[in-house]
Each structure stands twice: as C-alpha cells, then as structure tokens.
Amino acid sequence: MIVVSTFTLYPLSYFDSAFSLPFVTIARTVENSDMAELDLGELEAKIGYAFNDRTLLERALTHRSWAHEQVAPGEELEARRLHNEALEFVGDSVLGLAVADYLFQSTADATEGDLSRMKHRLVSTMMLARAARRLSLGNYLRIGRGEEKTGGRRKRALLADVVEAVIAAIYLDGGYKVASKFVHRLLSSELTEANPEDAAAADYKTMLQECVQATFHVTPTYNVVDMEGPPHRRTFHVEVVFADNSMSGAGATIKAAEMDAACRAIEQFNLTPQAQAAD
C-alpha cells in the first residue's frame, strides 16, 4: 500500500489576514555596495508566473534577519509579518504533495520505500538550493546586514527555504494547480531522472557522509576492489574507507555496491546523522 503524507490545503481566503503586508520595494546589493531597485517582473519572468498580489513574492524573498532590522526590539510579531518563515511552512507541504503526486503517477510500480527515498532526495536542501541558483534567487533576497556579510545569499539552507517560500507565495496567489506546475518546471530534470536505485544510493551515501564528517571530519571514499561474473550478470565489490575504518559492499552495479557498503558501514559502526541539524 502506498502511503503519502497528508497535507491540509486551506482555501486562499484563510490566509488573507495572516499573510498581508504593505507593499515594499525590494532592493539588492550590487558589487559597489550601493542599493538599486530591483524589478520583480524580471523574477516573475524567470519563474513563469505573474503575481496578482506581488507583496506575497516580496515576503517570500524576505529573510528574518532583514525583518528584525526593520522593527523595534521585542516586536517579534511585527517582524514575523514581514519575513518568510510562515510561507516556508506552507511551501514545504505544497512541494511535498506536488512531488509525491508526480512520483506516484510516473513510477506506479515503485514500492513505498522507493517513493519515499526518491521524494526525500528531490525535496532535499541540496536539490532545492541547486534549483534556487538556476533562478539566481540569491540576487533577489532581502537579508540583514550581518547575514549579508557572512554570504547569506549563497547559503544552501537559506536558498532552499526561499524556494519553499516562493512555492507558497504562488500557491496562495494562484492556487495549487499553478504551484504544482511551477514545482514540475523547477525540478523538471530532477523529476525526469529520478529512479529508485539512484535515490537509494544517494540516501545511504549522503547519510554516511554526514555522519563521518561530523564524527571524523573526513569524507568517505569508495573504491571498486573486485568484479566477478559474466558481462550480463556482473557483481561489483566496493570498499568504503574513512579514518581508520573500512567496509565492503556488493551489488549488480557500482552504485548499488556503494549503497550496500554505505548501509553496512552505518550499521556496523552505529553511526547517526548528527550533521543533519547543522545544515
């Protein structure tokens, strides 16, 4: 049985008061540190959607660091009305539903585990940040001075959050159908190339890498150590090495063998994904 997480999609009128804010002109930092007005029509052309209420897009592009610089100390509620964190919450659900529906329709023979792993990879910080860079979303962000100095426009987690907020803004302005189409355009190549084997391999390999980097401060490496069987029925043997540890795995492809080695290493050395919270 395929189980897809339940998402509550409220009528757009529900958000009228919660997401309303006055129109504010977005600005971006140019190389000489001067501020120049930015025409959001340029971004609308890139995302393929023209907003009826452009203030939703403005809020989606506003980081909490900027919002807190605009209000008096202690005015948390006022800052919350300006920044995009509530939109991220909505966008995360819309994104998850759009991806889950696409995978269910396009890979009907996949198991629940396959679908879950593919979805997890497609909505990961890495994938969303990559999509954000294709749209140059970092250039449109409204961020605080401190965040600007630390390279906030290039941070993966921040860019991934903005993608979710933009998805929410489109959903609230135009409805789920429009937002779903945007998700499909945004992740077009990733959705088309998604398959159970790659998702499984990336899942265990990513988990192992995060665990190893957090614990040993090194990156694991994979080496093919043996290959056996006729050409049409190969079995590959791969060894993953990190610090003074190693673990072997086997599979019908190199990717499958790497996945097996990573999975065995996680179990053998009782590793846990400590680094995930830091991303």
Foldseek 3Di string as FASTA:
>chain_A
DADADDDDDDALVVCPVVQDDDDDFFWFADPVRDTDTDDCVLLCVLLVHDFPDCLLLQQLQEALQLLVVVDDPPPVVSSVNRHQPVLLVVLVRLLSVLLLVLCCVPPVPDDNVLSVLLSCVCLDLVNQLVLLVVSQSLRRHRHHPVCVVVPVSNDSNSSSSSSSSVLSSCCSRPNSVRSSVSSCVSCVVSSVPGDSLVSLLCVLQVQLQLQQCVPVVDGKDKDFDDWDDDPVAIKTKMWIDGDPDIFIAIDSDPSNRNSRRSVVVCVVVVTGNPRPVVD
